[in-house]
Amino acid sequence: MKYPEIYNIEDIEVWKQTYMRKEILTNEWDLICHEVSTDVFEIPTLTNEFCDKFVEDNKEVEGESIMLWGNSCDDVKYPSNFDEIMVGIIRDNVINALHHLWTIDVPSFQKMTLDNHLVRFNKNQDLRVRHDSCLITCYMKMDSDSTGGELFFPKYDFTLKPKQGHLYFFPGRLTHRYGINLIKSGVNNSLFIYFMDK
């Protein structure tokens, strides 16, 4: 591991100031949450530095080949405390944004299981249009150099070119079928976070 410091959250406030974007730390949701399409929101979350180091650390990690709706990709096993980092960000920040935007029941969402996956798509791979089985899907592009791989939502005739380190979230069931366009070059590292009800 080249960058163990990005997983060190012993002093969480220092970690936040170093690796989280300043916008999300303000909790000024009306200013920093952008509705880029119908019920598809964007929040600047992790710095480019964190994402680049995270991708570099996991570049040599062999992923497990999985099939997603008929397409193959790699599910990558990242360091275990990255889950702790993402759960902290979701519970401390994103839950509040969800409550502000959708007036959700915060205690119920605090109790939900978060299922995180780092998925690696290589050139000429894509993700066919699908619904997720979760209540809310969150997506973040971690790499900076792959091309293609845009998210698209056929129902809303909307295509999104994700920004590195920005979190996108939308309903996971019924209303928001989505796919990922063909990767044209490089290796796409995509973080998926699913809000799972029990």
Protein backbone atom coordinates (compact mmCIF):
# COMPACT_ATOMS: atom_id res chain seq x y z
CA MET A 1 0.00 0.00 0.00
CA LYS A 2 1.55 3.29 -1.13
CA TYR A 3 -0.73 5.71 0.69
CA PRO A 4 -1.77 4.32 4.09
CA GLU A 5 -2.39 7.86 5.33
CA ILE A 6 -5.63 8.16 3.35
CA TYR A 7 -7.20 5.44 5.52
CA ASN A 8 -5.98 6.88 8.84
CA ILE A 9 -9.00 8.41 10.57
CA GLU A 10 -7.64 8.50 14.13
CA ASP A 11 -8.04 12.29 13.98
CA ILE A 12 -11.21 12.45 11.92
CA GLU A 13 -11.32 16.25 11.81
CA VAL A 14 -7.86 16.45 10.28
CA TRP A 15 -8.81 13.71 7.82
CA LYS A 16 -11.96 15.61 6.80
CA GLN A 17 -10.07 18.85 6.25
CA THR A 18 -7.48 17.01 4.16
CA TYR A 19 -9.55 14.66 2.03
CA MET A 20 -13.13 15.93 1.93
CA ARG A 21 -14.20 18.78 -0.30
CA LYS A 22 -14.93 21.97 1.56
CA GLU A 23 -18.45 22.22 0.13
CA ILE A 24 -19.84 19.09 1.81
CA LEU A 25 -18.43 20.12 5.18
CA THR A 26 -20.61 23.26 5.17
CA ASN A 27 -23.90 21.29 5.21
CA GLU A 28 -25.36 24.16 3.16
CA TRP A 29 -27.46 21.80 1.08
CA ASP A 30 -29.35 24.45 -0.90
CA LEU A 31 -26.02 25.82 -2.09
CA ILE A 32 -24.03 22.65 -2.74
CA CYS A 33 -26.63 20.02 -3.78
CA HIS A 34 -27.33 20.27 -7.48
CA GLU A 35 -30.34 18.49 -8.97
CA VAL A 36 -28.77 17.57 -12.29
CA SER A 37 -31.89 15.71 -13.45
CA THR A 38 -35.19 14.69 -11.88
CA ASP A 39 -34.30 13.41 -8.40
CA VAL A 40 -30.66 12.90 -9.38
CA PHE A 41 -28.49 14.97 -7.04
CA GLU A 42 -24.78 15.81 -7.02
CA ILE A 43 -22.66 16.66 -3.96
CA PRO A 44 -18.91 17.44 -4.15
CA THR A 45 -17.52 14.94 -1.61
CA LEU A 46 -13.93 13.63 -1.83
CA THR A 47 -10.86 15.50 -3.09
CA ASN A 48 -9.07 14.57 -6.29
CA GLU A 49 -6.00 13.82 -4.16
CA PHE A 50 -7.86 11.20 -2.12
CA CYS A 51 -9.42 9.62 -5.21
CA ASP A 52 -6.13 9.47 -7.13
CA LYS A 53 -4.30 7.88 -4.21
CA PHE A 54 -7.16 5.44 -3.62
CA VAL A 55 -7.14 4.33 -7.26
CA GLU A 56 -3.34 4.00 -7.25
CA ASP A 57 -3.46 1.90 -4.07
CA ASN A 58 -6.01 -0.45 -5.61
CA LYS A 59 -4.55 -0.60 -9.12
CA GLU A 60 -2.67 -3.84 -8.49
CA VAL A 61 -5.46 -5.44 -6.45
CA GLU A 62 -6.93 -8.27 -8.45
CA GLY A 63 -10.69 -7.94 -8.68
CA GLU A 64 -13.23 -10.73 -8.62
CA SER A 65 -14.94 -11.07 -11.98
CA ILE A 66 -18.69 -10.65 -11.59
CA MET A 67 -21.64 -10.43 -13.94
CA LEU A 68 -23.96 -7.42 -13.71
CA TRP A 69 -27.02 -7.86 -15.90
CA GLY A 70 -25.10 -9.85 -18.49
CA ASN A 71 -21.93 -7.75 -18.44
CA SER A 72 -18.66 -8.70 -16.80
CA CYS A 73 -16.64 -6.35 -14.59
CA ASP A 74 -14.35 -6.62 -11.55
CA ASP A 75 -15.45 -6.22 -7.94
CA VAL A 76 -12.36 -4.90 -6.15
CA LYS A 77 -11.60 -5.64 -2.47
CA TYR A 78 -10.34 -2.35 -1.04
CA PRO A 79 -8.92 -1.88 2.51
CA SER A 80 -11.62 -2.69 5.06
CA ASN A 81 -11.63 0.63 6.86
CA PHE A 82 -12.64 2.42 3.66
CA ASP A 83 -16.12 1.11 4.49
CA GLU A 84 -15.86 2.88 7.84
CA ILE A 85 -14.83 6.09 6.07
CA MET A 86 -17.75 5.98 3.63
CA VAL A 87 -20.30 5.03 6.29
CA GLY A 88 -19.11 8.01 8.32
CA ILE A 89 -19.51 10.37 5.37
CA ILE A 90 -22.97 9.01 4.58
CA ARG A 91 -24.20 9.17 8.18
CA ASP A 92 -22.63 12.56 9.02
CA ASN A 93 -23.40 14.36 5.80
CA VAL A 94 -25.39 12.63 3.08
CA ILE A 95 -28.25 11.50 5.35
CA ASN A 96 -28.78 15.16 6.26
CA ALA A 97 -28.86 16.09 2.59
CA LEU A 98 -31.44 13.37 1.89
CA HIS A 99 -33.60 14.62 4.73
CA HIS A 100 -33.32 18.21 3.49
CA LEU A 101 -34.12 17.35 -0.13
CA TRP A 102 -36.68 14.57 0.26
CA THR A 103 -37.87 15.01 3.89
CA ILE A 104 -36.99 11.40 4.64
CA ASP A 105 -37.33 9.77 8.06
CA VAL A 106 -33.78 10.26 9.34
CA PRO A 107 -33.79 7.65 12.19
CA SER A 108 -34.98 4.94 9.79
CA PHE A 109 -32.27 5.76 7.26
CA GLN A 110 -29.61 5.88 9.99
CA LYS A 111 -30.42 2.22 10.73
CA MET A 112 -30.13 1.07 7.13
CA THR A 113 -27.35 -1.16 5.89
CA LEU A 114 -24.91 0.46 3.47
CA ASP A 115 -23.51 -1.90 0.87
CA ASN A 116 -20.33 -0.50 -0.76
CA HIS A 117 -18.68 -1.82 -3.92
CA LEU A 118 -15.69 -0.61 -5.92
CA VAL A 119 -16.30 -1.83 -9.46
CA ARG A 120 -13.63 -1.70 -12.15
CA PHE A 121 -14.73 -1.40 -15.77
CA ASN A 122 -12.11 -1.90 -18.48
CA LYS A 123 -12.12 -0.55 -22.01
CA ASN A 124 -15.16 -1.73 -24.03
CA GLN A 125 -17.12 -2.72 -20.91
CA ASP A 126 -20.36 -1.07 -19.88
CA LEU A 127 -23.35 -1.56 -17.60
CA ARG A 128 -26.67 -2.32 -19.24
CA VAL A 129 -29.73 -0.38 -18.15
CA ARG A 130 -31.01 -1.69 -14.82
CA HIS A 131 -32.93 -1.00 -11.65
CA ASP A 132 -31.21 -1.58 -8.33
CA SER A 133 -32.94 -3.46 -5.53
CA CYS A 134 -32.03 -0.84 -2.93
CA LEU A 135 -33.94 2.26 -1.80
CA ILE A 136 -31.24 4.73 -2.83
CA THR A 137 -28.25 4.31 -5.13
CA CYS A 138 -25.13 6.44 -4.68
CA TYR A 139 -22.41 6.59 -7.31
CA MET A 140 -18.93 8.13 -7.38
CA LYS A 141 -16.27 8.03 -10.09
CA MET A 142 -12.91 7.54 -8.39
CA ASP A 143 -10.47 7.72 -11.33
CA SER A 144 -9.50 10.80 -13.33
CA ASP A 145 -8.34 9.39 -16.64
CA SER A 146 -10.93 6.98 -18.06
CA THR A 147 -13.18 8.24 -20.85
CA GLY A 148 -16.71 7.19 -21.63
CA GLY A 149 -18.59 5.61 -18.75
CA GLU A 150 -21.30 8.25 -18.54
CA LEU A 151 -24.39 7.42 -16.49
CA PHE A 152 -27.60 7.58 -18.47
CA PHE A 153 -31.25 7.54 -17.43
CA PRO A 154 -33.48 6.58 -20.39
CA LYS A 155 -36.77 7.65 -18.77
CA TYR A 156 -35.48 11.21 -18.39
CA ASP A 157 -33.47 11.27 -21.62
CA PHE A 158 -30.52 12.37 -19.50
CA THR A 159 -26.82 11.53 -19.68
CA LEU A 160 -24.44 12.48 -16.88
CA LYS A 161 -20.67 12.81 -17.17
CA PRO A 162 -19.63 12.23 -13.54
CA LYS A 163 -16.94 14.36 -11.93
CA GLN A 164 -14.21 12.68 -9.92
CA GLY A 165 -15.00 12.60 -6.20
CA HIS A 166 -18.56 13.90 -6.60
CA LEU A 167 -21.33 11.77 -5.11
CA TYR A 168 -24.48 11.27 -7.17
CA PHE A 169 -27.59 9.77 -5.62
CA PHE A 170 -31.03 8.82 -6.89
CA PRO A 171 -33.87 6.38 -6.09
CA GLY A 172 -32.77 2.81 -6.59
CA ARG A 173 -36.11 1.26 -7.47
CA LEU A 174 -38.67 1.70 -10.21
CA THR A 175 -38.25 5.35 -11.20
CA HIS A 176 -34.57 5.53 -12.10
CA ARG A 177 -33.41 2.80 -14.46
CA TYR A 178 -29.83 3.65 -15.34
CA GLY A 179 -26.83 2.34 -17.19
CA ILE A 180 -23.17 3.17 -17.76
CA ASN A 181 -21.96 3.87 -21.27
CA LEU A 182 -19.10 2.00 -22.89
CA ILE A 183 -15.66 2.75 -21.47
CA LYS A 184 -13.72 4.24 -24.38
CA SER A 185 -10.25 4.34 -22.83
CA GLY A 186 -8.49 3.72 -19.54
CA VAL A 187 -9.87 1.87 -16.53
CA ASN A 188 -13.00 3.20 -14.87
CA ASN A 189 -13.13 2.84 -11.07
CA SER A 190 -16.72 3.28 -9.90
CA LEU A 191 -17.86 3.32 -6.29
CA PHE A 192 -21.44 2.18 -5.73
CA ILE A 193 -23.14 2.64 -2.35
CA TYR A 194 -26.56 1.07 -1.82
CA PHE A 195 -29.01 1.99 0.94
CA MET A 196 -30.44 -1.42 1.85
CA ASP A 197 -33.58 -1.77 3.96
CA LYS A 198 -33.85 -4.84 6.18
